[in-house]
Amino acid sequence: MIKDYTLQNHIKRAWNAIICLVRIQWKYRRDFSLLGKTIRLAEKMILSKKIVWDDTDPFSKITISYISKNLQTAKAVRLLCRMGFGQDALTQLRVMFEALIDFGYMRVDKRRVKDYTDFDLYYKLKLGRKLDKHKIKVEQEKWEARQKELQTKWNKVKQRFTYQNPKGKEVVFSRWSGKDLRAMAEEIDLGKAYDYFYTYASGFVHSMAASANDYVLGREQDSVVVEVGASETMISEALHTNQAILLAILEIINNEYKVGFDEEIKKSSPKVNKNDITSEL
């Protein structure tokens, strides 16, 4: 805890951090173990011969991309938790939860994959405009040619992603589906999970004032007591949520491709209700 920045307090804080990390490893060892098993299961699933990159099947590409990306994020969250940064892990879990909804939404109707990939043209166009606006060093001729190419492709599909506001101005949807994330979550039976977790995690992303409470412990005489560094705060919630989201993604893939990992998924952790991904939040 920061009081006065003296050598004695510096040593005390370092010692407290070490004790905290040891306590986290021991206290949540079962949670780390279960998450580790789920991560290994995901790695095993990636190598399954039933999941192949098929140029004639856009959903197969989405599947491989999503499992790879979210496996990486799951490992990052595990690492943050090991270091006692559970609060910071929430921002990554929010990204994973968005991916779960997008993936589940496309799985219900594979035709939606085209909307997902076509809308990416808009993101690329916006990035190119930012590069120009901020005068980031680019080869101007190549940049202009690329922007023109993207604009031509976007013009062919943009009618699917735009609407006119009350003032008659053409506006692009905020999401590729044309729906907000809450509506998408409802359609794939994750509405309650959205309410429990996503809104809370978004507070950390958008820096709500309450998200700073965990770092300021109060006063001691004339000093404000601040805790910065390793902490048990949100470790349990982050580990449970990480595993639940990753398992939900694996279940979608297992059911879609009949990979045959039903028992492995079932044994990976106690049954988690899909509408209660984080009961502790």
Protein backbone atom coordinates (compact mmCIF):
# COMPACT_ATOMS: atom_id res chain seq x y z
CA MET A 1 0.00 0.00 0.00
CA ILE A 2 1.33 3.44 -0.90
CA LYS A 3 1.58 5.86 2.02
CA ASP A 4 4.94 7.61 1.92
CA TYR A 5 7.41 6.56 -0.74
CA THR A 6 10.16 5.51 1.62
CA LEU A 7 12.54 2.59 1.20
CA GLN A 8 10.81 0.79 4.07
CA ASN A 9 7.40 1.12 2.48
CA HIS A 10 8.82 0.15 -0.91
CA ILE A 11 10.21 -3.09 0.51
CA LYS A 12 6.97 -3.74 2.37
CA ARG A 13 4.94 -3.33 -0.82
CA ALA A 14 7.25 -5.66 -2.74
CA TRP A 15 6.95 -8.29 0.00
CA ASN A 16 3.15 -7.95 0.08
CA ALA A 17 3.05 -8.42 -3.71
CA ILE A 18 5.07 -11.64 -3.48
CA ILE A 19 2.81 -12.98 -0.71
CA CYS A 20 -0.25 -12.04 -2.77
CA LEU A 21 1.02 -13.90 -5.84
CA VAL A 22 1.78 -17.00 -3.80
CA ARG A 23 -1.67 -16.82 -2.21
CA ILE A 24 -3.33 -16.47 -5.63
CA GLN A 25 -1.50 -19.52 -7.00
CA TRP A 26 -2.51 -21.61 -4.00
CA LYS A 27 -6.01 -20.33 -3.30
CA TYR A 28 -7.17 -20.55 -6.93
CA ARG A 29 -5.11 -23.58 -7.94
CA ARG A 30 -8.21 -25.60 -8.79
CA ASP A 31 -9.56 -22.81 -11.00
CA PHE A 32 -6.21 -22.47 -12.77
CA SER A 33 -6.10 -26.23 -13.25
CA LEU A 34 -9.60 -26.39 -14.76
CA LEU A 35 -8.87 -23.46 -17.06
CA GLY A 36 -5.62 -25.14 -18.11
CA LYS A 37 -7.54 -28.30 -19.07
CA THR A 38 -9.98 -26.25 -21.14
CA ILE A 39 -7.12 -24.48 -22.93
CA ARG A 40 -5.47 -27.81 -23.73
CA LEU A 41 -8.82 -29.09 -25.01
CA ALA A 42 -9.06 -26.08 -27.32
CA GLU A 43 -5.56 -26.78 -28.63
CA LYS A 44 -6.52 -30.41 -29.21
CA MET A 45 -9.68 -29.33 -31.04
CA ILE A 46 -7.72 -27.05 -33.39
CA LEU A 47 -5.74 -30.11 -34.52
CA SER A 48 -8.89 -32.15 -35.17
CA LYS A 49 -9.03 -33.50 -38.72
CA LYS A 50 -12.73 -32.66 -38.83
CA ILE A 51 -12.03 -28.94 -38.68
CA VAL A 52 -10.29 -27.97 -41.92
CA TRP A 53 -9.75 -24.71 -43.76
CA ASP A 54 -12.15 -25.03 -46.71
CA ASP A 55 -12.09 -22.25 -49.30
CA THR A 56 -15.61 -23.24 -50.35
CA ASP A 57 -16.93 -22.94 -46.79
CA PRO A 58 -16.54 -19.42 -45.30
CA PHE A 59 -17.77 -20.61 -41.90
CA SER A 60 -14.83 -23.02 -41.63
CA LYS A 61 -12.48 -20.05 -41.96
CA ILE A 62 -14.41 -18.13 -39.30
CA THR A 63 -14.29 -21.18 -37.01
CA ILE A 64 -10.53 -21.60 -37.24
CA SER A 65 -9.94 -17.86 -36.88
CA TYR A 66 -12.22 -17.57 -33.85
CA ILE A 67 -10.91 -20.56 -31.93
CA SER A 68 -7.33 -19.41 -32.53
CA LYS A 69 -7.97 -15.80 -31.52
CA ASN A 70 -9.94 -16.67 -28.41
CA LEU A 71 -7.49 -19.35 -27.32
CA GLN A 72 -4.80 -16.67 -27.41
CA THR A 73 -6.99 -14.29 -25.40
CA ALA A 74 -7.81 -17.01 -22.88
CA LYS A 75 -4.10 -17.55 -22.30
CA ALA A 76 -3.58 -13.81 -21.89
CA VAL A 77 -6.36 -13.64 -19.27
CA ARG A 78 -4.84 -16.60 -17.41
CA LEU A 79 -1.48 -14.82 -17.37
CA LEU A 80 -3.04 -11.59 -16.07
CA CYS A 81 -4.75 -13.53 -13.29
CA ARG A 82 -1.51 -15.26 -12.31
CA MET A 83 0.05 -11.82 -11.90
CA GLY A 84 -2.87 -10.57 -9.80
CA PHE A 85 -4.40 -8.29 -12.44
CA GLY A 86 -7.96 -9.58 -12.45
CA GLN A 87 -9.46 -6.12 -13.09
CA ASP A 88 -7.45 -5.75 -16.29
CA ALA A 89 -8.50 -9.24 -17.40
CA LEU A 90 -12.12 -8.03 -17.58
CA THR A 91 -11.41 -5.91 -20.64
CA GLN A 92 -10.07 -8.96 -22.48
CA LEU A 93 -13.02 -11.07 -21.34
CA ARG A 94 -15.36 -8.45 -22.78
CA VAL A 95 -13.68 -8.96 -26.16
CA MET A 96 -14.06 -12.74 -25.81
CA PHE A 97 -17.73 -12.36 -24.95
CA GLU A 98 -18.34 -10.23 -28.06
CA ALA A 99 -16.61 -12.90 -30.13
CA LEU A 100 -18.81 -15.60 -28.58
CA ILE A 101 -21.96 -13.70 -29.57
CA ASP A 102 -20.73 -12.95 -33.10
CA PHE A 103 -19.69 -16.58 -33.59
CA GLY A 104 -22.90 -18.02 -32.19
CA TYR A 105 -24.96 -15.60 -34.26
CA MET A 106 -23.24 -16.66 -37.49
CA ARG A 107 -23.56 -20.33 -36.63
CA VAL A 108 -27.35 -20.02 -36.46
CA ASP A 109 -27.43 -18.75 -40.05
CA LYS A 110 -24.27 -19.32 -42.11
CA ARG A 111 -25.37 -16.70 -44.67
CA ARG A 112 -24.50 -14.10 -42.06
CA VAL A 113 -20.79 -14.87 -42.55
CA LYS A 114 -20.87 -12.86 -45.78
CA ASP A 115 -22.25 -9.84 -43.90
CA TYR A 116 -19.52 -10.22 -41.31
CA THR A 117 -16.72 -10.33 -43.87
CA ASP A 118 -18.18 -7.64 -46.17
CA PHE A 119 -18.58 -5.20 -43.29
CA ASP A 120 -14.84 -5.52 -42.70
CA LEU A 121 -14.38 -3.32 -45.79
CA TYR A 122 -15.83 -0.43 -43.81
CA TYR A 123 -13.32 -0.89 -40.98
CA LYS A 124 -10.44 -0.97 -43.47
CA LEU A 125 -11.69 2.22 -45.11
CA LYS A 126 -11.94 3.99 -41.76
CA LEU A 127 -8.43 2.90 -40.83
CA GLY A 128 -7.10 4.26 -44.12
CA ARG A 129 -8.80 7.61 -43.51
CA LYS A 130 -7.25 7.83 -40.07
CA LEU A 131 -3.82 7.15 -41.51
CA ASP A 132 -4.28 10.08 -43.86
CA LYS A 133 -5.86 12.38 -41.27
CA HIS A 134 -3.05 11.92 -38.80
CA LYS A 135 -0.42 12.19 -41.53
CA ILE A 136 1.12 8.86 -40.68
CA LYS A 137 3.91 8.16 -43.12
CA VAL A 138 2.54 6.13 -46.02
CA GLU A 139 3.36 5.75 -49.68
CA GLN A 140 0.74 8.15 -51.03
CA GLU A 141 0.19 6.53 -54.42
CA LYS A 142 -0.24 3.06 -52.94
CA TRP A 143 -2.49 4.44 -50.20
CA GLU A 144 -4.73 6.24 -52.71
CA ALA A 145 -4.95 3.15 -54.92
CA ARG A 146 -5.83 0.96 -51.94
CA GLN A 147 -8.47 3.39 -50.67
CA LYS A 148 -10.02 3.59 -54.13
CA GLU A 149 -10.14 -0.19 -54.37
CA LEU A 150 -11.77 -0.50 -50.93
CA GLN A 151 -14.26 2.27 -51.70
CA THR A 152 -15.31 0.54 -54.93
CA LYS A 153 -15.87 -2.75 -53.10
CA TRP A 154 -17.68 -1.01 -50.23
CA ASN A 155 -20.02 0.83 -52.61
CA LYS A 156 -21.21 -2.52 -53.94
CA VAL A 157 -22.32 -3.79 -50.53
CA LYS A 158 -22.93 -0.75 -48.35
CA GLN A 159 -26.68 -0.67 -48.95
CA ARG A 160 -26.89 -3.73 -46.67
CA PHE A 161 -25.25 -1.84 -43.81
CA THR A 162 -26.67 1.68 -44.01
CA TYR A 163 -29.86 3.52 -43.15
CA GLN A 164 -31.12 7.10 -43.30
CA ASN A 165 -31.45 9.02 -40.05
CA PRO A 166 -34.33 11.48 -39.42
CA LYS A 167 -32.27 14.22 -41.10
CA GLY A 168 -31.96 12.16 -44.27
CA LYS A 169 -28.25 11.45 -43.78
CA GLU A 170 -26.88 8.06 -44.71
CA VAL A 171 -25.55 6.34 -41.59
CA VAL A 172 -23.59 3.09 -41.30
CA PHE A 173 -24.76 0.56 -38.72
CA SER A 174 -22.57 0.37 -35.63
CA ARG A 175 -22.30 -3.41 -35.99
CA TRP A 176 -22.07 -5.71 -38.98
CA SER A 177 -25.38 -7.41 -38.12
CA GLY A 178 -27.37 -4.19 -38.08
CA LYS A 179 -28.36 -5.04 -34.50
CA ASP A 180 -26.90 -4.12 -31.16
CA LEU A 181 -25.03 -6.77 -29.21
CA ARG A 182 -27.88 -7.16 -26.72
CA ALA A 183 -30.34 -8.14 -29.46
CA MET A 184 -27.86 -10.61 -30.94
CA ALA A 185 -27.27 -12.15 -27.51
CA GLU A 186 -31.02 -12.59 -27.02
CA GLU A 187 -31.33 -14.47 -30.30
CA ILE A 188 -28.77 -17.07 -29.23
CA ASP A 189 -30.03 -17.40 -25.64
CA LEU A 190 -27.25 -15.37 -24.05
CA GLY A 191 -29.37 -12.43 -22.97
CA LYS A 192 -28.98 -13.06 -19.25
CA ALA A 193 -25.25 -13.64 -19.60
CA TYR A 194 -25.06 -10.28 -21.36
CA ASP A 195 -26.87 -8.62 -18.45
CA TYR A 196 -24.69 -10.30 -15.83
CA PHE A 197 -21.31 -9.82 -17.39
CA TYR A 198 -21.07 -7.57 -20.43
CA THR A 199 -22.51 -4.43 -18.88
CA TYR A 200 -20.26 -4.79 -15.85
CA ALA A 201 -17.11 -5.43 -17.90
CA SER A 202 -17.93 -2.51 -20.19
CA GLY A 203 -17.63 -0.23 -17.18
CA PHE A 204 -13.94 -1.10 -16.95
CA VAL A 205 -13.47 -0.52 -20.66
CA HIS A 206 -15.22 2.84 -20.59
CA SER A 207 -13.61 3.88 -17.30
CA MET A 208 -16.63 4.28 -15.06
CA ALA A 209 -15.73 5.91 -11.75
CA ALA A 210 -16.64 2.82 -9.74
CA SER A 211 -13.94 0.80 -11.52
CA ALA A 212 -11.31 2.83 -9.63
CA ASN A 213 -12.67 1.90 -6.21
CA ASP A 214 -10.53 -1.23 -5.93
CA TYR A 215 -7.34 0.82 -6.01
CA VAL A 216 -8.14 3.44 -3.38
CA LEU A 217 -8.57 1.80 0.01
CA GLY A 218 -9.23 4.88 2.09
CA ARG A 219 -7.30 7.06 4.53
CA GLU A 220 -4.82 6.48 7.28
CA GLN A 221 -4.34 9.64 9.29
CA ASP A 222 -3.40 12.30 6.72
CA SER A 223 -2.46 9.89 3.92
CA VAL A 224 -4.62 8.33 1.22
CA VAL A 225 -3.96 4.59 1.15
CA VAL A 226 -3.64 3.28 -2.41
CA GLU A 227 -3.08 -0.31 -3.54
CA VAL A 228 -1.39 -0.68 -6.93
CA GLY A 229 -0.16 -4.03 -8.20
CA ALA A 230 -0.97 -7.66 -7.46
CA SER A 231 -4.39 -8.16 -5.91
CA GLU A 232 -6.95 -10.92 -5.44
CA THR A 233 -9.69 -8.62 -6.71
CA MET A 234 -11.70 -10.22 -9.56
CA ILE A 235 -9.34 -13.21 -9.87
CA SER A 236 -12.00 -15.82 -9.16
CA GLU A 237 -14.59 -14.10 -11.38
CA ALA A 238 -12.12 -13.65 -14.24
CA LEU A 239 -10.96 -17.27 -14.17
CA HIS A 240 -14.50 -18.67 -14.07
CA THR A 241 -15.71 -16.36 -16.82
CA ASN A 242 -12.70 -17.09 -19.00
CA GLN A 243 -13.30 -20.81 -18.81
CA ALA A 244 -17.05 -20.48 -19.36
CA ILE A 245 -16.70 -18.36 -22.49
CA LEU A 246 -14.00 -20.59 -23.97
CA LEU A 247 -16.09 -23.68 -23.22
CA ALA A 248 -19.13 -22.09 -24.87
CA ILE A 249 -17.10 -21.50 -28.03
CA LEU A 250 -15.78 -25.08 -27.97
CA GLU A 251 -19.31 -26.43 -27.55
CA ILE A 252 -20.47 -24.55 -30.63
CA ILE A 253 -17.57 -25.95 -32.66
CA ASN A 254 -18.00 -29.47 -31.29
CA ASN A 255 -21.71 -29.52 -32.11
CA GLU A 256 -21.24 -27.96 -35.54
CA TYR A 257 -18.47 -30.27 -36.76
CA LYS A 258 -19.33 -33.37 -34.72
CA VAL A 259 -15.74 -33.46 -33.46
CA GLY A 260 -16.65 -36.00 -30.78
CA PHE A 261 -15.30 -34.13 -27.77
CA ASP A 262 -18.59 -34.28 -25.86
CA GLU A 263 -17.16 -36.12 -22.86
CA GLU A 264 -14.00 -34.00 -22.75
CA ILE A 265 -16.05 -30.81 -22.69
CA LYS A 266 -18.36 -32.24 -20.04
CA LYS A 267 -15.44 -33.27 -17.83
CA SER A 268 -13.50 -30.07 -18.36
CA SER A 269 -15.46 -28.30 -15.64
CA PRO A 270 -18.65 -28.45 -13.61
CA LYS A 271 -21.71 -27.69 -15.71
CA VAL A 272 -21.98 -23.95 -16.37
CA ASN A 273 -25.39 -22.54 -17.23
CA LYS A 274 -25.05 -20.61 -20.49
CA ASN A 275 -27.33 -17.90 -19.08
CA ASP A 276 -25.23 -17.52 -15.93
CA ILE A 277 -21.69 -17.27 -17.22
CA THR A 278 -20.60 -15.26 -14.20
CA SER A 279 -22.87 -15.84 -11.27
CA GLU A 280 -20.39 -14.17 -8.96
CA LEU A 281 -20.48 -10.78 -10.68
